[in-house]
Amino acid sequence: MAVDQGGRARRRLSTEERREQLLAVGARLFSESPYDEVWIEQVAEIAGVSRGLLYHYFPAKRDFFAAVVERESERMLRMTAPVPGVPVRAQLAAGLDAYLEYVESHAHGYRAFHRADAAGDQAVRRVYRRALAAQERQILAALAADPEFGPVLENRPDIRLAVRGWLAFTTAVCLEWLRGARLGREQVRDLCARALLGLLAP
């Protein structure tokens, strides 16, 4: 157990705890500044570790940012995973509530995730686009398994594009909400739900 300058004992972090700490710092920095303006030295200084230790976990900045993006993608997918056998219409409000809870509770990570597409690094952008594609697949799979919307998908080749557009719409709404738009969570949820149901209407 290490001792800080004040003489207090500090518990040594496990490998997973240290990695999570670094990703949390990265999420904050990438949410506040463009990719090119974030430096690995900043991350190491804020986390209280050497630059060499950070490079031990992440060989390059692109690997670090990609890990931040993947972490946030996995969180979103877990929180919004559909419940098998429950109709989409019945799940929609609860799923959006979970999503908006994530957006509020992990605002830095959410902003950082959606900054990835603007990153100049093509490898980072590919990670981001894979993450969006995973969200799209999750929604389409839930719709396909639904007795109400499943038949709609069979006759609507435009649904995939519509879902992709809805994800972009929901992202834009949530980012404005985080910037201080005067809407409560229920209003944001209902706005996004109406938008999706409107796209699926015959």
Protein backbone atom coordinates (compact mmCIF):
# COMPACT_ATOMS: atom_id res chain seq x y z
CA MET A 1 0.00 0.00 0.00
CA ALA A 2 1.48 3.36 -1.07
CA VAL A 3 1.63 6.49 1.11
CA ASP A 4 0.82 9.98 -0.23
CA GLN A 5 2.59 13.21 0.73
CA GLY A 6 0.19 13.78 3.63
CA GLY A 7 1.18 10.51 5.19
CA ARG A 8 -2.11 8.80 4.35
CA ALA A 9 -2.13 5.27 3.08
CA ARG A 10 -3.40 4.86 -0.47
CA ARG A 11 -4.73 1.54 -1.72
CA ARG A 12 -2.96 0.33 -4.83
CA LEU A 13 -5.46 0.00 -7.67
CA SER A 14 -5.92 -3.30 -9.44
CA THR A 15 -5.24 -3.47 -13.16
CA GLU A 16 -8.97 -3.23 -13.97
CA GLU A 17 -9.54 -0.38 -11.51
CA ARG A 18 -6.60 1.58 -12.94
CA ARG A 19 -7.83 1.03 -16.48
CA GLU A 20 -11.30 2.23 -15.50
CA GLN A 21 -9.82 5.29 -13.81
CA LEU A 22 -7.86 6.20 -16.93
CA LEU A 23 -10.90 5.72 -19.19
CA ALA A 24 -13.01 7.93 -16.90
CA VAL A 25 -10.39 10.69 -17.12
CA GLY A 26 -10.25 10.25 -20.88
CA ALA A 27 -14.02 10.45 -21.22
CA ARG A 28 -14.01 13.80 -19.42
CA LEU A 29 -11.17 15.27 -21.46
CA PHE A 30 -12.47 14.04 -24.82
CA SER A 31 -15.95 15.36 -23.96
CA GLU A 32 -14.55 18.83 -23.32
CA SER A 33 -12.01 19.13 -26.15
CA PRO A 34 -11.57 17.89 -29.74
CA TYR A 35 -9.51 14.76 -30.22
CA ASP A 36 -6.43 16.62 -31.49
CA GLU A 37 -6.38 18.89 -28.42
CA VAL A 38 -6.23 16.10 -25.83
CA TRP A 39 -2.73 14.99 -24.85
CA ILE A 40 -1.75 11.74 -23.18
CA GLU A 41 0.35 13.77 -20.74
CA GLN A 42 -2.84 15.46 -19.50
CA VAL A 43 -4.49 12.13 -18.83
CA ALA A 44 -1.46 10.82 -16.94
CA GLU A 45 -1.16 13.99 -14.85
CA ILE A 46 -4.84 14.05 -13.85
CA ALA A 47 -4.81 10.33 -13.05
CA GLY A 48 -1.62 10.70 -11.03
CA VAL A 49 0.32 8.11 -13.04
CA SER A 50 3.39 8.18 -15.22
CA ARG A 51 3.07 8.53 -18.96
CA GLY A 52 4.87 5.19 -19.26
CA LEU A 53 2.19 3.45 -17.18
CA LEU A 54 -0.57 4.89 -19.35
CA TYR A 55 1.23 3.65 -22.46
CA HIS A 56 1.45 0.24 -20.78
CA TYR A 57 -2.36 0.09 -20.88
CA PHE A 58 -2.86 1.89 -24.20
CA PRO A 59 0.00 1.86 -26.76
CA ALA A 60 -1.13 5.07 -28.52
CA LYS A 61 -3.69 7.87 -28.20
CA ARG A 62 -5.89 6.30 -30.84
CA ASP A 63 -6.00 3.07 -28.78
CA PHE A 64 -6.93 5.08 -25.70
CA PHE A 65 -9.75 7.01 -27.39
CA ALA A 66 -10.99 3.83 -29.08
CA ALA A 67 -11.18 2.18 -25.65
CA VAL A 68 -13.19 5.15 -24.32
CA VAL A 69 -15.62 4.83 -27.24
CA GLU A 70 -15.97 1.06 -26.83
CA ARG A 71 -16.56 1.42 -23.07
CA GLU A 72 -19.41 3.86 -23.64
CA SER A 73 -20.89 1.76 -26.45
CA GLU A 74 -20.97 -1.34 -24.25
CA ARG A 75 -22.67 0.62 -21.46
CA MET A 76 -25.36 1.93 -23.79
CA LEU A 77 -26.03 -1.49 -25.30
CA ARG A 78 -26.34 -3.10 -21.87
CA MET A 79 -28.68 -0.43 -20.53
CA THR A 80 -30.97 -0.50 -23.57
CA ALA A 81 -30.98 -4.25 -24.28
CA PRO A 82 -34.54 -5.36 -25.22
CA VAL A 83 -36.43 -7.83 -23.07
CA PRO A 84 -37.33 -10.94 -25.13
CA GLY A 85 -41.04 -11.54 -25.50
CA VAL A 86 -42.12 -8.04 -24.46
CA PRO A 87 -43.66 -5.92 -27.27
CA VAL A 88 -41.53 -3.05 -28.52
CA ARG A 89 -44.29 -0.52 -27.94
CA ALA A 90 -44.46 -1.58 -24.27
CA GLN A 91 -40.67 -1.46 -23.92
CA LEU A 92 -40.02 1.80 -25.72
CA ALA A 93 -40.60 4.21 -22.82
CA ALA A 94 -38.63 2.07 -20.37
CA GLY A 95 -35.79 1.63 -22.87
CA LEU A 96 -35.58 5.36 -23.50
CA ASP A 97 -35.73 6.04 -19.75
CA ALA A 98 -32.72 3.76 -19.30
CA TYR A 99 -30.92 5.46 -22.18
CA LEU A 100 -31.59 8.94 -20.79
CA GLU A 101 -30.48 7.80 -17.34
CA TYR A 102 -27.21 6.76 -18.94
CA VAL A 103 -26.93 10.10 -20.80
CA GLU A 104 -27.40 12.07 -17.57
CA SER A 105 -25.25 9.85 -15.36
CA HIS A 106 -22.39 9.52 -17.86
CA ALA A 107 -22.60 12.87 -19.65
CA HIS A 108 -18.83 13.08 -20.19
CA GLY A 109 -18.70 9.60 -21.68
CA TYR A 110 -21.73 10.26 -23.88
CA ARG A 111 -20.25 13.46 -25.27
CA ALA A 112 -16.86 11.81 -25.77
CA PHE A 113 -18.48 8.90 -27.59
CA HIS A 114 -20.19 11.21 -30.07
CA ARG A 115 -17.06 13.30 -30.62
CA ALA A 116 -15.38 10.24 -32.11
CA ASP A 117 -16.90 10.71 -35.55
CA ALA A 118 -15.23 14.11 -35.79
CA ALA A 119 -11.83 12.69 -34.91
CA GLY A 120 -9.32 12.93 -37.72
CA ASP A 121 -8.06 9.43 -36.98
CA GLN A 122 -9.77 6.94 -39.29
CA ALA A 123 -9.19 4.03 -36.88
CA VAL A 124 -11.10 5.89 -34.15
CA ARG A 125 -13.91 6.74 -36.55
CA ARG A 126 -14.21 3.07 -37.53
CA VAL A 127 -14.62 2.10 -33.87
CA TYR A 128 -17.36 4.71 -33.48
CA ARG A 129 -19.20 3.56 -36.61
CA ARG A 130 -19.03 -0.07 -35.48
CA ALA A 131 -20.57 1.01 -32.18
CA LEU A 132 -23.41 2.83 -33.95
CA ALA A 133 -23.97 -0.20 -36.17
CA ALA A 134 -24.30 -2.37 -33.04
CA GLN A 135 -27.02 -0.03 -31.71
CA GLU A 136 -28.78 -0.16 -35.05
CA ARG A 137 -28.68 -3.97 -35.13
CA GLN A 138 -30.04 -4.17 -31.59
CA ILE A 139 -33.03 -1.99 -32.48
CA LEU A 140 -33.72 -3.79 -35.76
CA ALA A 141 -33.55 -7.21 -34.08
CA ALA A 142 -36.08 -6.10 -31.45
CA LEU A 143 -38.39 -4.76 -34.17
CA ALA A 144 -38.06 -7.90 -36.28
CA ALA A 145 -39.05 -10.11 -33.31
CA ASP A 146 -42.06 -7.95 -32.46
CA PRO A 147 -45.51 -9.20 -33.60
CA GLU A 148 -46.65 -5.65 -34.44
CA PHE A 149 -43.56 -4.30 -36.16
CA GLY A 150 -42.00 -7.49 -37.53
CA PRO A 151 -44.36 -7.63 -40.55
CA VAL A 152 -43.72 -3.93 -41.18
CA LEU A 153 -39.99 -4.60 -41.60
CA GLU A 154 -40.66 -7.25 -44.22
CA ASN A 155 -42.44 -4.74 -46.46
CA ARG A 156 -40.36 -1.64 -45.70
CA PRO A 157 -36.82 -1.73 -47.11
CA ASP A 158 -36.40 1.84 -45.86
CA ILE A 159 -36.69 0.91 -42.18
CA ARG A 160 -32.96 0.33 -41.70
CA LEU A 161 -32.22 3.82 -42.99
CA ALA A 162 -35.07 5.21 -40.88
CA VAL A 163 -33.63 3.64 -37.72
CA ARG A 164 -30.21 5.06 -38.54
CA GLY A 165 -31.80 8.50 -38.94
CA TRP A 166 -33.67 8.07 -35.65
CA LEU A 167 -30.42 7.31 -33.84
CA ALA A 168 -28.93 10.53 -35.24
CA PHE A 169 -32.06 12.46 -34.21
CA THR A 170 -31.98 11.01 -30.68
CA THR A 171 -28.29 11.83 -30.35
CA ALA A 172 -28.86 15.43 -31.42
CA VAL A 173 -31.77 15.81 -28.98
CA CYS A 174 -29.76 14.35 -26.09
CA LEU A 175 -26.71 16.53 -26.75
CA GLU A 176 -28.92 19.64 -26.78
CA TRP A 177 -30.60 18.42 -23.58
CA LEU A 178 -27.18 18.13 -21.92
CA ARG A 179 -26.37 21.67 -23.06
CA GLY A 180 -29.31 22.90 -21.00
CA ALA A 181 -32.40 22.63 -23.21
CA ARG A 182 -35.42 23.36 -21.03
CA LEU A 183 -37.00 19.94 -21.25
CA GLY A 184 -37.51 17.38 -18.52
CA ARG A 185 -36.48 13.78 -18.99
CA GLU A 186 -40.08 12.68 -19.64
CA GLN A 187 -40.46 15.30 -22.37
CA VAL A 188 -37.24 14.17 -24.06
CA ARG A 189 -38.33 10.53 -23.77
CA ASP A 190 -41.75 11.21 -25.28
CA LEU A 191 -40.24 13.28 -28.10
CA CYS A 192 -37.87 10.45 -29.07
CA ALA A 193 -40.58 7.79 -28.72
CA ARG A 194 -43.00 9.70 -30.97
CA ALA A 195 -40.26 10.13 -33.55
CA LEU A 196 -39.57 6.38 -33.74
CA LEU A 197 -43.22 5.37 -33.80
CA GLY A 198 -43.84 7.95 -36.51
CA LEU A 199 -41.10 6.40 -38.67
CA LEU A 200 -42.64 2.97 -38.25
CA ALA A 201 -46.17 4.04 -39.10
CA PRO A 202 -47.50 2.51 -42.37
